[in-house]
Protein backbone atom coordinates (compact mmCIF):
# COMPACT_ATOMS: atom_id res chain seq x y z
CA MET A 1 -0.74 3.74 -18.72
CA PHE A 2 0.66 0.35 -17.74
CA ASP A 3 -1.01 -2.74 -19.19
CA PRO A 4 0.46 -5.99 -17.84
CA TYR A 5 -0.99 -7.93 -20.78
CA VAL A 6 0.62 -5.74 -23.44
CA THR A 7 3.93 -4.91 -21.76
CA PRO A 8 4.54 -7.22 -18.78
CA ILE A 9 7.34 -6.10 -16.46
CA ASP A 10 8.90 -8.92 -14.46
CA TYR A 11 11.62 -6.98 -12.65
CA ILE A 12 12.12 -4.10 -10.24
CA LEU A 13 14.76 -1.40 -10.38
CA LEU A 14 16.46 -0.99 -7.02
CA ALA A 15 18.93 1.90 -6.82
CA GLY A 16 18.90 1.83 -10.63
CA GLN A 17 19.88 -1.84 -10.83
CA ARG A 18 17.60 -4.42 -12.46
CA SER A 19 16.58 -7.37 -10.29
CA PRO A 20 17.54 -10.90 -11.36
CA GLY A 21 15.10 -13.57 -12.49
CA ILE A 22 11.39 -12.83 -12.32
CA ALA A 23 10.25 -10.31 -9.69
CA VAL A 24 6.75 -10.51 -8.23
CA VAL A 25 5.62 -7.48 -6.18
CA SER A 26 2.96 -8.15 -3.54
CA GLY A 27 1.38 -6.49 -0.52
CA ALA A 28 2.00 -2.86 -1.52
CA ALA A 29 -0.85 -0.52 -0.59
CA ASP A 30 -1.79 3.14 -0.34
CA VAL A 31 -2.65 3.01 3.37
CA ARG A 32 -4.52 5.97 4.91
CA LYS A 33 -4.69 6.80 8.62
CA TRP A 34 -7.99 7.96 10.14
CA ASP A 35 -9.01 8.93 13.66
CA VAL A 36 -12.63 8.46 14.70
CA ARG A 37 -13.59 10.84 17.51
CA GLN A 38 -16.75 9.96 19.41
CA GLY A 39 -18.35 11.22 22.57
CA TYR A 40 -19.62 9.01 25.36
CA GLY A 41 -23.15 7.82 24.65
CA LEU A 42 -23.23 9.34 21.17
CA SER A 43 -23.73 7.46 17.93
CA GLY A 44 -21.66 8.55 15.00
CA GLY A 45 -18.53 10.58 15.25
CA ILE A 46 -16.10 12.88 13.54
CA THR A 47 -13.50 11.37 11.24
CA VAL A 48 -10.14 13.09 10.96
CA PHE A 49 -7.73 12.20 8.16
CA ARG A 50 -4.20 11.88 9.52
CA GLY A 51 -2.30 11.27 6.30
CA ARG A 52 -0.76 8.32 4.51
CA ASP A 53 0.79 5.50 6.46
CA ILE A 54 3.96 3.70 5.42
CA SER A 55 3.51 0.71 3.11
CA HIS A 56 5.12 -2.69 3.73
CA PHE A 57 5.53 -4.84 0.63
CA THR A 58 7.38 -7.92 -0.58
CA VAL A 59 9.30 -8.54 -3.77
CA THR A 60 9.79 -12.24 -4.46
CA LEU A 61 12.60 -13.03 -6.89
CA LYS A 62 12.17 -16.28 -8.79
CA LEU A 63 15.53 -17.58 -9.98
CA VAL A 64 15.17 -20.14 -12.76
CA THR A 65 18.49 -20.31 -14.64
CA ALA A 66 22.20 -20.32 -13.85
CA LYS A 67 22.35 -16.75 -15.26
CA ASP A 68 19.68 -15.70 -12.73
CA TRP A 69 21.92 -17.01 -9.92
CA ALA A 70 24.94 -15.13 -11.34
CA ASP A 71 22.82 -11.97 -11.55
CA TRP A 72 21.69 -12.59 -7.93
CA ASP A 73 25.34 -12.50 -6.80
CA THR A 74 25.66 -9.06 -8.43
CA PHE A 75 22.33 -7.81 -7.00
CA LYS A 76 22.72 -9.28 -3.49
CA PRO A 77 24.94 -6.46 -2.07
CA LEU A 78 22.04 -4.01 -2.58
CA VAL A 79 19.84 -5.94 -0.14
CA ALA A 80 22.61 -7.11 2.21
CA ARG A 81 22.55 -5.88 5.81
CA PRO A 82 24.69 -2.77 6.27
CA PRO A 83 28.08 -3.19 7.96
CA PHE A 84 28.04 -2.84 11.76
CA GLY A 85 28.24 0.80 12.86
CA THR A 86 26.78 2.26 9.66
CA LYS A 87 23.30 3.65 9.13
CA PRO A 88 21.12 1.76 6.67
CA LYS A 89 19.84 3.90 3.81
CA SER A 90 16.72 3.65 1.74
CA MET A 91 17.01 3.25 -2.01
CA SER A 92 14.99 4.24 -5.03
CA VAL A 93 12.67 1.46 -6.15
CA TRP A 94 10.59 1.21 -9.30
CA HIS A 95 7.94 -1.13 -10.62
CA PRO A 96 4.64 -0.11 -12.27
CA TRP A 97 2.57 -1.38 -9.31
CA LEU A 98 4.70 0.66 -6.89
CA ALA A 99 4.64 3.75 -9.12
CA MET A 100 0.82 3.47 -9.29
CA LEU A 101 0.78 3.75 -5.46
CA ASP A 102 3.32 6.62 -5.42
CA ILE A 103 6.00 4.43 -3.77
CA SER A 104 9.44 5.38 -5.04
CA SER A 105 11.81 4.79 -2.13
CA ALA A 106 12.18 1.92 0.31
CA GLY A 107 14.46 0.24 2.80
CA VAL A 108 15.06 -3.48 3.12
CA GLU A 109 13.39 -5.02 6.18
CA GLU A 110 14.19 -8.66 5.64
CA VAL A 111 15.78 -10.99 3.09
CA GLY A 112 14.53 -14.57 3.21
CA GLN A 113 16.37 -17.73 2.31
CA PRO A 114 16.06 -19.23 -1.17
CA GLU A 115 13.29 -21.82 -1.24
CA GLU A 116 12.69 -24.34 -3.99
CA ASP A 117 9.38 -24.01 -5.86
CA GLY A 118 8.36 -27.68 -5.97
CA ASP A 119 8.77 -29.44 -9.30
CA THR A 120 9.85 -26.45 -11.42
CA GLY A 121 13.41 -26.31 -10.14
CA ALA A 122 13.10 -22.55 -9.63
CA TYR A 123 14.06 -20.91 -6.34
CA SER A 124 12.22 -18.01 -4.70
CA ILE A 125 13.86 -15.37 -2.52
CA PRO A 126 11.40 -13.09 -0.65
CA ILE A 127 12.63 -9.58 0.14
CA LYS A 128 10.47 -7.47 2.47
CA PHE A 129 10.58 -3.70 2.02
CA LEU A 130 9.40 -0.71 4.04
CA GLU A 131 8.43 2.42 2.12
CA THR A 132 10.33 5.58 3.07
CA ARG A 133 8.79 9.00 2.59
CA GLU A 134 9.45 12.42 4.06
CA PRO A 135 6.77 13.44 6.58
CA LYS A 136 4.28 16.10 5.48
CA PHE A 137 1.51 17.77 7.46
CA ALA A 138 -1.75 16.00 6.56
CA LEU A 139 -4.24 16.47 9.42
CA ALA A 140 -7.65 17.36 7.99
CA LYS A 141 -11.31 17.02 8.96
CA PRO A 142 -13.28 15.84 5.92
CA GLU A 143 -16.38 17.66 4.76
CA ALA A 144 -19.65 15.79 5.25
CA ALA A 145 -21.48 14.60 2.17
CA ALA A 146 -24.26 16.83 0.88
CA THR A 147 -27.74 15.86 2.05
CA ALA A 148 -29.96 14.06 -0.42
CA PRO A 149 -32.69 16.11 -2.12
CA LYS A 150 -36.20 15.76 -0.71
CA SER A 151 -38.29 13.07 -2.30
CA THR A 152 -41.29 14.06 -4.43
CA ASP A 153 -43.03 10.75 -3.71
CA PRO A 154 -46.24 11.45 -1.73
CA TYR A 155 -45.71 8.41 0.53
CA ASP A 156 -42.17 9.55 1.41
CA GLN A 157 -43.48 13.04 2.16
CA GLN A 158 -46.18 11.61 4.46
CA ILE A 159 -43.58 9.46 6.27
CA GLU A 160 -41.30 12.49 6.70
CA LYS A 161 -44.21 14.59 8.07
CA LEU A 162 -45.24 11.91 10.59
CA THR A 163 -41.61 11.35 11.63
CA SER A 164 -41.10 15.06 12.37
CA GLN A 165 -44.40 15.17 14.35
CA PHE A 166 -43.29 12.13 16.37
CA GLN A 167 -39.89 13.72 17.08
CA GLU A 168 -41.61 16.91 18.29
CA LEU A 169 -43.82 14.93 20.67
CA ALA A 170 -40.80 13.00 21.98
CA LYS A 171 -39.04 16.18 23.13
């Protein structure tokens, strides 16, 4: 179990290499895809689970010291755009927040410019990632929830009886 108060982790591992400076992971999510199928003039519908969607997330590297900048020069080739004519490849990625969401592989979507963080003198470099995962069949119609047990309250029973009589007359 990861506890950020007891053992804070301020880096990611990308292709086995530790990120420079302080890494802040944001925007990662376990996104699920659902279809809602409804008929014309009907209320309600059938929900069909279509599997997990791909997560988009950002890792912002905060570079504070000269050593962080030297480490950035070593790390930068991992997130650099691939040479023309080659296929970009996804890489293994690890951070406790990503592991919690079952995200273990990603490709780089975008590397932002370093931006100064106001008065601190630190620089932030945002790196946007796109999760990569092999497709698996996941289409499923969920089971409806079980109906609630009948109330033993006499007023509820009277209301239920009158409601069913009204529905019979309305037919």
